[in-house]
Amino acid sequence: MALDGSLERLRREGHIVVVGASLAGLRAAETLREEGFTGTLTMIGDEPYEPYDRPPLSKQVLLGLVPVGQTALPRRRTLDARWRLGAAATALDMAAKRVTLADGTSVEYDRLLITTGVRSRPWPNELEAGLDGVFVLRTTDDAARLVGRLRAGPRRVLVIGAGFTGSEIASVCRERELPVTVAERGPAPLVGALGGVIGEVAAELQHQYGVDLRCGVMVTGLEGDGAGRLRRAHFSDGAALDAEVAVVALGATRNTEWLAGSGLAAGPRGIACDAGCRAFDVRGIVSDDVFVAGDVARSPHPLFGYQFLSLEHWGNAVAQAEVAAHNMISPGERRRPHLWTPYFWSAQFGVNIKSVGVPNMADQILVGQGSLSEHRFTAAYGYQGRVIAAVAFDQAKWLEFYQRQIEQAAPFPLPFTTVDRRTEGMRPVPAGFPDPSVPTHGPEVTVSGHSPTDQRVTFTPA
């Protein structure tokens, strides 16, 4: 017992380094202190700012309701931490327990938590991406640049990609009474995240709000004028469009490049970890001193066949960070798994969209309440005879009920009649997700297989 107590005290001392001054990083650091960690705590971030909230950037900030720079995350407690901001991590030496930074310095650790998250996928042509008027939206600096340009009243805005972020930006443009065109490679907005049935409803909303929505096409080029300003976009169907602003909303890239050669199972789909947030190495063996949380993590979830899930969700970042922090300073028998049920929300075109579970695993969908034609409904998703997800348009009150069905592995379709079911919801129909081998503009939840090392001992990121 005395030895066990000594080991527990040791875990609550030493030096913990958090790479990623993000929502997940902040909540993990707070949890470490709340649960008794008394050692040295270092927070490393690539941006010069302390952790801030990102969801408002594509909503309230772009609308001018919240000033840029006023989205700092509230603190639950003081951290007594060393902050290394504005210097990104560039390398990890697991043997030496050392993180190298972009400014040439290094930081040694006893335990490491990686919460580096994701970044916006840029426009692939660097010259075109550098045109004045081409934007991405992920950081507060991105938002400052974009909101300034929207205030100037461009004659037309082009949004490339109709996932959640792209659709929210288009919604903001219409609220600002700006002409906006949305180009989507898939057959409908939100199709990668919510499927074709719901994508049709999203398309109706965009048309209703005056969006020039073009699906089934790609932007093949961005053209500038002699001064390097964006003037025109070209499409795969041969059309061209004059635009002064283009926002690239092609999904996200996980920040794992700095881990190349480190020995961790890190690649384009994230860093593989177990349900307790311990990182896998390239051999598929967990590390007891490197943990992962937030958007950059891939972890198995027992509710979804132990698939490794990468979740770009605000709530998941918080829940997983708290589990990781708890496990970093707890002995094995006191550790707990990360079992958070995925939950997501979006506000666009006058509708609050919320989902629970993993919709893009589904093969069928059934409208349980409300009506698709009225744009106010709740629909359940099924896979292999069980409920795995639900989505609500302005009917969030039902999601808690469906979350319980997901967690209890309830059969699909549900074996009882629910209230307010209309004719269109009497039987399941195909959910309408695109072929996963054909990229659209990105689901928010990525199902990425069973093996943490892609069934290979040698791990080479694509």
Protein backbone atom coordinates (compact mmCIF):
# COMPACT_ATOMS: atom_id res chain seq x y z
CA MET A 1 0.00 0.00 0.00
CA ALA A 2 2.86 2.39 0.87
CA LEU A 3 4.49 1.67 -2.50
CA ASP A 4 1.20 2.28 -4.32
CA GLY A 5 0.83 5.60 -2.51
CA SER A 6 4.35 6.64 -3.46
CA LEU A 7 3.74 5.84 -7.12
CA GLU A 8 0.51 7.84 -7.07
CA ARG A 9 2.30 10.83 -5.55
CA LEU A 10 4.98 10.59 -8.25
CA ARG A 11 2.32 10.76 -10.98
CA ARG A 12 1.04 13.99 -9.45
CA GLU A 13 4.48 15.57 -9.59
CA GLY A 14 7.10 16.08 -12.33
CA HIS A 15 6.70 18.03 -15.57
CA ILE A 16 3.68 17.73 -17.87
CA VAL A 17 3.84 19.42 -21.26
CA VAL A 18 0.69 20.17 -23.27
CA VAL A 19 1.36 20.75 -26.97
CA GLY A 20 -1.65 22.62 -28.31
CA ALA A 21 -2.96 25.74 -26.53
CA SER A 22 -6.48 24.84 -27.59
CA LEU A 23 -9.87 24.15 -26.03
CA ALA A 24 -8.74 20.59 -25.31
CA GLY A 25 -5.37 21.74 -24.03
CA LEU A 26 -6.88 24.30 -21.66
CA ARG A 27 -9.54 21.99 -20.24
CA ALA A 28 -6.94 19.25 -19.75
CA ALA A 29 -4.63 21.64 -17.90
CA GLU A 30 -7.46 22.78 -15.65
CA THR A 31 -8.42 19.18 -14.91
CA LEU A 32 -4.83 18.32 -14.03
CA ARG A 33 -4.78 21.06 -11.41
CA GLU A 34 -8.28 20.26 -10.16
CA GLU A 35 -7.32 16.63 -9.61
CA GLY A 36 -4.19 17.40 -7.66
CA PHE A 37 -1.27 17.72 -10.09
CA THR A 38 1.29 19.85 -8.27
CA GLY A 39 4.22 19.67 -10.68
CA THR A 40 5.36 21.95 -13.49
CA LEU A 41 2.88 22.55 -16.31
CA THR A 42 3.97 23.96 -19.69
CA MET A 43 1.53 25.02 -22.42
CA ILE A 44 2.86 25.22 -25.99
CA GLY A 45 0.86 26.88 -28.78
CA ASP A 46 1.63 27.82 -32.37
CA GLU A 47 -0.54 30.97 -32.22
CA PRO A 48 0.43 34.00 -30.10
CA TYR A 49 -2.91 33.89 -28.27
CA GLU A 50 -4.08 32.04 -25.20
CA PRO A 51 -6.91 29.51 -25.88
CA TYR A 52 -10.03 30.93 -27.53
CA ASP A 53 -13.36 29.58 -28.75
CA ARG A 54 -13.52 28.75 -32.46
CA PRO A 55 -17.25 28.10 -33.23
CA PRO A 56 -18.19 31.81 -32.92
CA LEU A 57 -15.67 32.70 -35.65
CA SER A 58 -17.96 31.43 -38.43
CA LYS A 59 -21.11 32.79 -36.81
CA GLN A 60 -21.20 35.72 -34.35
CA VAL A 61 -17.79 37.15 -35.29
CA LEU A 62 -18.47 37.22 -39.03
CA LEU A 63 -21.85 38.80 -38.34
CA GLY A 64 -20.20 41.52 -36.29
CA LEU A 65 -22.07 40.52 -33.12
CA VAL A 66 -18.85 39.63 -31.28
CA PRO A 67 -15.63 41.61 -31.83
CA VAL A 68 -12.63 39.76 -33.22
CA GLY A 69 -10.38 38.84 -30.35
CA GLN A 70 -13.24 38.67 -27.84
CA THR A 71 -13.74 34.89 -27.93
CA ALA A 72 -11.25 33.90 -25.23
CA LEU A 73 -12.30 30.74 -23.42
CA PRO A 74 -13.43 31.27 -19.81
CA ARG A 75 -11.07 29.89 -17.18
CA ARG A 76 -12.37 27.44 -14.60
CA ARG A 77 -9.38 28.10 -12.37
CA THR A 78 -5.84 29.48 -12.34
CA LEU A 79 -3.30 27.17 -13.97
CA ASP A 80 0.09 28.22 -12.62
CA ALA A 81 1.50 27.26 -16.03
CA ARG A 82 4.43 28.29 -18.21
CA TRP A 83 3.12 29.54 -21.55
CA ARG A 84 5.19 29.10 -24.74
CA LEU A 85 2.99 30.82 -27.32
CA GLY A 86 3.78 31.66 -30.93
CA ALA A 87 6.31 28.83 -31.28
CA ALA A 88 4.95 25.67 -32.87
CA ALA A 89 6.24 22.23 -31.96
CA THR A 90 8.36 20.89 -34.82
CA ALA A 91 9.64 17.52 -33.55
CA LEU A 92 9.21 14.92 -30.82
CA ASP A 93 11.97 12.70 -29.44
CA MET A 94 10.18 10.03 -27.40
CA ALA A 95 13.38 8.40 -26.17
CA ALA A 96 14.73 11.67 -24.80
CA LYS A 97 11.24 12.88 -23.79
CA ARG A 98 11.82 16.17 -25.56
CA VAL A 99 9.72 18.49 -27.76
CA THR A 100 11.55 20.80 -30.19
CA LEU A 101 9.99 24.18 -31.04
CA ALA A 102 10.12 26.34 -34.15
CA ASP A 103 12.26 28.93 -32.40
CA GLY A 104 15.03 26.34 -31.96
CA THR A 105 14.48 25.73 -28.25
CA SER A 106 13.29 22.47 -26.73
CA VAL A 107 11.21 21.42 -23.72
CA GLU A 108 11.67 18.18 -21.81
CA TYR A 109 8.76 16.37 -20.19
CA ASP A 110 7.85 13.52 -17.90
CA ARG A 111 4.43 13.16 -19.52
CA LEU A 112 3.14 14.71 -22.71
CA LEU A 113 -0.39 15.57 -23.88
CA ILE A 114 -0.89 16.33 -27.58
CA THR A 115 -3.89 18.54 -28.42
CA THR A 116 -2.67 20.14 -31.66
CA GLY A 117 -6.08 19.89 -33.35
CA VAL A 118 -6.60 20.65 -37.01
CA ARG A 119 -6.09 23.48 -39.48
CA SER A 120 -8.06 24.53 -42.54
CA ARG A 121 -7.18 22.70 -45.73
CA PRO A 122 -5.79 25.41 -48.03
CA TRP A 123 -6.53 25.97 -51.69
CA PRO A 124 -4.16 23.50 -53.41
CA ASN A 125 -2.66 25.97 -55.89
CA GLU A 126 -0.29 28.13 -53.83
CA LEU A 127 -0.18 31.00 -56.32
CA GLU A 128 -3.97 31.16 -56.49
CA ALA A 129 -4.24 30.76 -52.71
CA GLY A 130 -2.06 33.86 -52.35
CA LEU A 131 -4.39 36.11 -54.31
CA ASP A 132 -5.82 39.06 -52.42
CA GLY A 133 -9.38 37.99 -51.66
CA VAL A 134 -8.81 34.26 -51.07
CA PHE A 135 -9.45 33.21 -47.47
CA VAL A 136 -9.73 30.25 -45.15
CA LEU A 137 -11.40 30.35 -41.72
CA ARG A 138 -9.96 28.59 -38.71
CA THR A 139 -8.09 31.08 -36.52
CA THR A 140 -8.92 34.45 -35.01
CA ASP A 141 -6.50 36.06 -37.49
CA ASP A 142 -8.39 34.37 -40.36
CA ALA A 143 -11.65 35.77 -38.97
CA ALA A 144 -10.22 39.28 -38.62
CA ARG A 145 -9.14 39.31 -42.26
CA LEU A 146 -12.41 37.88 -43.55
CA VAL A 147 -14.76 40.04 -41.48
CA GLY A 148 -12.91 43.13 -42.64
CA ARG A 149 -13.43 42.16 -46.26
CA LEU A 150 -17.12 41.32 -45.75
CA ARG A 151 -17.70 44.71 -44.12
CA ALA A 152 -16.33 46.32 -47.28
CA GLY A 153 -19.30 44.90 -49.20
CA PRO A 154 -17.84 42.73 -51.99
CA ARG A 155 -19.95 42.41 -55.13
CA ARG A 156 -19.95 38.60 -54.78
CA VAL A 157 -18.56 36.03 -52.37
CA LEU A 158 -17.67 32.52 -53.50
CA VAL A 159 -17.68 29.77 -50.87
CA ILE A 160 -15.84 26.64 -51.98
CA GLY A 161 -17.31 23.70 -50.09
CA ALA A 162 -20.75 23.22 -48.53
CA GLY A 163 -19.89 21.39 -45.34
CA PHE A 164 -20.85 22.91 -42.01
CA THR A 165 -18.27 25.71 -42.07
CA GLY A 166 -18.91 26.63 -45.69
CA SER A 167 -22.67 26.63 -45.17
CA GLU A 168 -22.38 28.80 -42.05
CA ILE A 169 -20.23 31.31 -43.94
CA ALA A 170 -22.78 31.40 -46.77
CA SER A 171 -25.54 31.97 -44.22
CA VAL A 172 -23.61 34.91 -42.74
CA CYS A 173 -23.21 36.41 -46.22
CA ARG A 174 -26.94 36.30 -46.80
CA GLU A 175 -27.63 37.84 -43.39
CA ARG A 176 -25.25 40.62 -44.44
CA GLU A 177 -27.21 40.84 -47.71
CA LEU A 178 -24.14 39.92 -49.73
CA PRO A 179 -24.53 37.93 -52.98
CA VAL A 180 -22.98 34.50 -52.43
CA THR A 181 -22.29 31.47 -54.60
CA VAL A 182 -21.58 28.08 -53.01
CA ALA A 183 -19.71 25.44 -55.04
CA GLU A 184 -19.96 21.86 -53.77
CA ARG A 185 -18.40 18.81 -55.38
CA GLY A 186 -21.00 16.49 -53.81
CA PRO A 187 -24.68 16.28 -54.77
CA ALA A 188 -25.91 18.52 -51.92
CA PRO A 189 -24.75 20.61 -48.95
CA LEU A 190 -23.84 18.68 -45.79
CA VAL A 191 -24.00 15.40 -47.72
CA GLY A 192 -20.75 14.06 -46.30
CA ALA A 193 -21.88 14.68 -42.72
CA LEU A 194 -25.63 14.03 -42.82
CA GLY A 195 -26.35 12.19 -46.07
CA GLY A 196 -28.35 12.91 -49.20
CA VAL A 197 -31.81 12.95 -47.63
CA ILE A 198 -30.86 15.71 -45.22
CA GLY A 199 -28.64 17.30 -47.85
CA GLU A 200 -31.72 17.96 -49.99
CA VAL A 201 -33.29 19.86 -47.09
CA ALA A 202 -30.09 21.87 -46.64
CA ALA A 203 -30.14 22.70 -50.36
CA GLU A 204 -33.75 23.90 -50.12
CA LEU A 205 -32.78 26.19 -47.24
CA GLN A 206 -29.90 27.69 -49.20
CA HIS A 207 -32.09 28.31 -52.25
CA GLN A 208 -34.78 29.79 -50.01
CA TYR A 209 -32.27 32.29 -48.63
CA GLY A 210 -31.07 33.33 -52.06
CA VAL A 211 -27.81 31.39 -52.30
CA ASP A 212 -26.54 30.60 -55.78
CA LEU A 213 -25.88 26.94 -54.97
CA ARG A 214 -23.95 24.86 -57.51
CA CYS A 215 -23.61 21.17 -56.65
CA GLY A 216 -21.82 18.45 -58.56
CA VAL A 217 -19.13 20.88 -59.72
CA MET A 218 -15.59 21.73 -58.68
CA VAL A 219 -13.76 25.02 -58.76
CA THR A 220 -10.88 24.32 -61.11
CA GLY A 221 -9.09 27.64 -60.89
CA LEU A 222 -9.00 31.08 -59.31
CA GLU A 223 -7.97 33.94 -61.56
CA GLY A 224 -6.40 37.21 -60.44
CA ASP A 225 -5.97 40.59 -62.06
CA GLY A 226 -2.71 42.38 -62.75
CA ALA A 227 -2.54 43.63 -59.15
CA GLY A 228 -2.87 40.15 -57.66
CA ARG A 229 -6.51 40.57 -56.63
CA LEU A 230 -9.05 37.79 -57.11
CA ARG A 231 -11.38 38.55 -60.00
CA ARG A 232 -12.85 35.29 -61.31
CA ALA A 233 -13.36 31.59 -60.56
CA HIS A 234 -13.57 28.79 -63.12
CA PHE A 235 -15.68 25.63 -62.71
CA SER A 236 -15.44 22.07 -63.93
CA ASP A 237 -18.59 22.50 -66.03
CA GLY A 238 -16.94 25.27 -68.06
CA ALA A 239 -18.68 28.14 -66.29
CA ALA A 240 -16.90 31.17 -64.88
CA LEU A 241 -17.93 33.52 -62.09
CA ASP A 242 -16.72 37.00 -61.18
CA ALA A 243 -16.04 37.24 -57.42
CA GLU A 244 -14.03 39.54 -55.19
CA VAL A 245 -13.89 37.14 -52.24
CA ALA A 246 -13.44 33.37 -52.17
CA VAL A 247 -13.58 31.42 -48.92
CA VAL A 248 -12.00 27.96 -49.12
CA ALA A 249 -13.99 25.59 -46.89
CA LEU A 250 -12.61 22.21 -47.97
CA GLY A 251 -12.43 20.61 -44.55
CA ALA A 252 -9.53 20.26 -42.16
CA THR A 253 -6.06 18.74 -41.97
CA ARG A 254 -4.88 17.27 -38.69
CA ASN A 255 -1.74 18.81 -37.26
CA THR A 256 0.51 15.76 -37.13
CA GLU A 257 3.37 16.57 -39.54
CA TRP A 258 5.65 17.59 -36.67
CA LEU A 259 5.47 14.00 -35.40
CA ALA A 260 7.05 12.46 -38.51
CA GLY A 261 9.81 10.11 -37.43
CA SER A 262 8.80 10.29 -33.78
CA GLY A 263 7.63 6.69 -33.59
CA LEU A 264 4.01 7.61 -32.84
CA ALA A 265 1.17 6.23 -34.97
CA ALA A 266 0.43 9.68 -36.38
CA GLY A 267 -0.69 10.49 -39.89
CA PRO A 268 -3.23 12.43 -41.96
CA ARG A 269 -6.16 10.90 -40.06
CA GLY A 270 -4.77 11.83 -36.65
CA ILE A 271 -2.90 10.18 -33.80
CA ALA A 272 -4.16 6.75 -32.80
CA CYS A 273 -4.79 6.22 -29.10
CA ASP A 274 -6.64 3.77 -26.88
CA ALA A 275 -9.92 4.53 -25.11
CA GLY A 276 -7.89 5.89 -22.21
CA CYS A 277 -6.22 8.46 -24.53
CA ARG A 278 -2.77 6.80 -24.43
CA ALA A 279 -1.02 7.20 -27.78
CA PHE A 280 -0.07 4.16 -29.87
CA ASP A 281 3.39 3.86 -31.32
CA VAL A 282 4.00 2.56 -34.83
CA ARG A 283 4.04 -1.04 -33.54
CA GLY A 284 0.55 -0.70 -32.07
CA ILE A 285 1.86 -0.55 -28.47
CA VAL A 286 0.47 2.13 -26.16
CA SER A 287 2.73 4.63 -24.48
CA ASP A 288 2.20 5.36 -20.80
CA ASP A 289 3.66 8.86 -20.96
CA VAL A 290 2.20 10.28 -24.21
CA PHE A 291 -1.52 11.04 -24.34
CA VAL A 292 -3.78 12.55 -27.03
CA ALA A 293 -7.07 14.47 -26.94
CA GLY A 294 -9.32 16.58 -29.14
CA ASP A 295 -9.64 16.89 -32.91
CA VAL A 296 -6.23 15.31 -33.57
CA ALA A 297 -7.04 12.06 -31.71
CA ARG A 298 -8.33 8.78 -33.19
CA SER A 299 -9.74 6.45 -30.57
CA PRO A 300 -11.91 3.30 -30.56
CA HIS A 301 -15.52 3.61 -29.46
CA PRO A 302 -17.38 0.51 -28.22
CA LEU A 303 -20.77 1.91 -29.24
CA PHE A 304 -19.68 1.95 -32.86
CA GLY A 305 -18.05 -1.46 -33.26
CA TYR A 306 -14.75 -0.27 -31.76
CA GLN A 307 -14.14 1.77 -34.87
CA PHE A 308 -11.43 4.39 -34.51
CA LEU A 309 -13.21 7.74 -34.63
CA SER A 310 -11.75 11.18 -35.27
CA LEU A 311 -14.24 13.74 -33.97
CA GLU A 312 -14.03 17.44 -34.76
CA HIS A 313 -16.53 18.33 -32.06
CA TRP A 314 -16.37 20.96 -29.32
CA GLY A 315 -17.94 18.68 -26.72
CA ASN A 316 -15.67 15.77 -27.61
CA ALA A 317 -12.58 17.96 -27.18
CA VAL A 318 -13.65 18.87 -23.65
CA ALA A 319 -14.70 15.38 -22.58
CA GLN A 320 -11.65 13.64 -24.02
CA ALA A 321 -9.28 16.24 -22.55
CA GLU A 322 -10.73 15.66 -19.09
CA VAL A 323 -10.34 11.89 -19.44
CA ALA A 324 -6.77 12.24 -20.72
CA ALA A 325 -5.80 14.55 -17.85
CA HIS A 326 -7.36 12.26 -15.26
CA ASN A 327 -5.57 9.21 -16.65
CA MET A 328 -2.21 10.97 -16.88
CA ILE A 329 -2.04 11.29 -13.09
CA SER A 330 -4.00 8.20 -12.03
CA PRO A 331 -2.86 4.60 -11.46
CA GLY A 332 -4.18 1.95 -13.85
CA GLU A 333 -7.10 0.77 -11.75
CA ARG A 334 -8.43 4.34 -11.44
CA ARG A 335 -8.24 5.23 -15.11
CA ARG A 336 -11.40 5.56 -17.14
CA PRO A 337 -12.30 5.30 -20.84
CA HIS A 338 -13.46 8.08 -23.10
CA LEU A 339 -17.03 7.06 -24.00
CA TRP A 340 -18.53 10.39 -25.03
CA THR A 341 -21.38 10.06 -27.51
CA PRO A 342 -20.63 12.36 -30.47
CA TYR A 343 -22.76 15.52 -30.47
CA PHE A 344 -22.65 18.43 -32.89
CA TRP A 345 -24.54 21.63 -33.62
CA SER A 346 -24.67 24.31 -36.30
CA ALA A 347 -26.73 27.46 -36.86
CA GLN A 348 -27.40 28.40 -40.48
CA PHE A 349 -30.17 29.88 -42.61
CA GLY A 350 -32.47 30.41 -39.65
CA VAL A 351 -32.28 26.80 -38.46
CA ASN A 352 -30.52 25.17 -35.52
CA ILE A 353 -29.09 21.82 -36.62
CA LYS A 354 -27.99 19.34 -33.98
CA SER A 355 -26.86 15.74 -34.32
CA VAL A 356 -25.92 12.93 -31.97
CA GLY A 357 -24.05 9.72 -32.78
CA VAL A 358 -22.18 9.00 -36.01
CA PRO A 359 -24.55 9.68 -38.93
CA ASN A 360 -22.09 8.89 -41.71
CA MET A 361 -21.84 5.24 -40.63
CA ALA A 362 -25.54 4.78 -41.44
CA ASP A 363 -27.14 3.05 -44.36
CA GLN A 364 -30.76 4.08 -43.61
CA ILE A 365 -32.66 7.05 -42.21
CA LEU A 366 -36.16 7.45 -40.82
CA VAL A 367 -37.96 10.70 -39.96
CA GLY A 368 -39.32 10.17 -36.46
CA GLN A 369 -40.85 13.56 -35.75
CA GLY A 370 -41.87 16.52 -37.84
CA SER A 371 -41.56 16.92 -41.58
CA LEU A 372 -38.68 17.34 -44.03
CA SER A 373 -40.82 19.64 -46.19
CA GLU A 374 -41.37 21.96 -43.23
CA HIS A 375 -37.63 22.00 -42.42
CA ARG A 376 -38.48 21.09 -38.83
CA PHE A 377 -37.94 17.45 -37.94
CA THR A 378 -35.94 14.80 -36.13
CA ALA A 379 -34.57 11.81 -38.04
CA ALA A 380 -32.87 8.65 -36.80
CA TYR A 381 -30.06 6.84 -38.62
CA GLY A 382 -29.71 3.07 -38.67
CA TYR A 383 -26.88 0.69 -39.43
CA GLN A 384 -27.17 -3.09 -39.51
CA GLY A 385 -30.43 -3.02 -37.60
CA ARG A 386 -29.57 -0.63 -34.75
CA VAL A 387 -29.88 3.09 -34.10
CA ILE A 388 -26.48 4.82 -34.41
CA ALA A 389 -27.34 8.52 -34.84
CA ALA A 390 -30.02 11.20 -35.05
CA VAL A 391 -30.26 14.71 -36.44
CA ALA A 392 -32.71 17.49 -35.58
CA PHE A 393 -33.63 20.65 -37.46
CA ASP A 394 -35.18 23.01 -34.88
CA GLN A 395 -36.28 20.01 -32.77
CA ALA A 396 -33.38 19.48 -30.38
CA LYS A 397 -35.71 18.40 -27.57
CA TRP A 398 -35.79 14.89 -29.05
CA LEU A 399 -32.03 14.30 -29.17
CA GLU A 400 -31.68 13.23 -25.54
CA PHE A 401 -34.21 10.48 -26.23
CA TYR A 402 -32.30 9.32 -29.29
CA GLN A 403 -28.99 9.47 -27.45
CA ARG A 404 -30.38 6.96 -24.96
CA GLN A 405 -31.44 4.71 -27.85
CA ILE A 406 -27.92 4.88 -29.31
CA GLU A 407 -26.29 4.09 -25.98
CA GLN A 408 -28.66 1.17 -25.41
CA ALA A 409 -28.07 -0.27 -28.91
CA ALA A 410 -31.79 0.03 -29.67
CA PRO A 411 -33.06 -1.70 -32.82
CA PHE A 412 -33.64 0.26 -36.01
CA PRO A 413 -36.28 1.15 -36.91
CA LEU A 414 -37.50 1.78 -33.38
CA PRO A 415 -40.17 -0.77 -32.43
CA PHE A 416 -42.69 1.77 -31.20
CA THR A 417 -44.61 4.67 -32.67
CA THR A 418 -43.29 8.10 -31.78
CA VAL A 419 -45.42 11.23 -31.56
CA ASP A 420 -45.75 13.71 -34.42
CA ARG A 421 -44.67 11.21 -37.07
CA ARG A 422 -45.85 12.15 -40.57
CA THR A 423 -46.39 9.93 -43.60
CA GLU A 424 -42.87 10.59 -44.94
CA GLY A 425 -41.38 9.02 -41.82
CA MET A 426 -43.30 5.76 -41.77
CA ARG A 427 -40.52 3.64 -43.22
CA PRO A 428 -36.72 3.82 -43.49
CA VAL A 429 -35.10 4.99 -46.71
CA PRO A 430 -31.45 4.95 -47.84
CA ALA A 431 -29.53 7.67 -46.01
CA GLY A 432 -27.79 8.75 -49.21
CA PHE A 433 -24.18 9.06 -48.13
CA PRO A 434 -21.72 9.38 -51.01
CA ASP A 435 -19.17 6.74 -51.87
CA PRO A 436 -16.41 7.27 -49.26
CA SER A 437 -13.76 6.76 -51.95
CA VAL A 438 -15.01 9.93 -53.67
CA PRO A 439 -14.13 12.99 -51.56
CA THR A 440 -16.75 15.63 -50.90
CA HIS A 441 -16.14 18.60 -48.68
CA GLY A 442 -15.88 16.52 -45.60
CA PRO A 443 -17.87 14.89 -42.83
CA GLU A 444 -17.36 16.24 -39.33
CA VAL A 445 -17.02 12.67 -38.03
CA THR A 446 -14.48 10.40 -39.69
CA VAL A 447 -14.66 6.62 -39.36
CA SER A 448 -11.16 5.41 -40.00
CA GLY A 449 -10.93 1.67 -39.48
CA HIS A 450 -9.94 -0.79 -36.78
CA SER A 451 -6.15 -0.87 -36.77
CA PRO A 452 -4.22 1.91 -35.04
CA THR A 453 -1.24 1.24 -37.30
CA ASP A 454 -3.19 0.53 -40.48
CA GLN A 455 -2.20 -3.14 -40.10
CA ARG A 456 1.43 -2.29 -40.76
CA VAL A 457 4.40 -2.24 -38.46
CA THR A 458 6.11 0.38 -40.62
CA PHE A 459 4.05 3.53 -40.49
CA THR A 460 4.45 5.94 -43.41
CA PRO A 461 2.00 8.89 -43.51
CA ALA A 462 0.39 9.44 -46.90
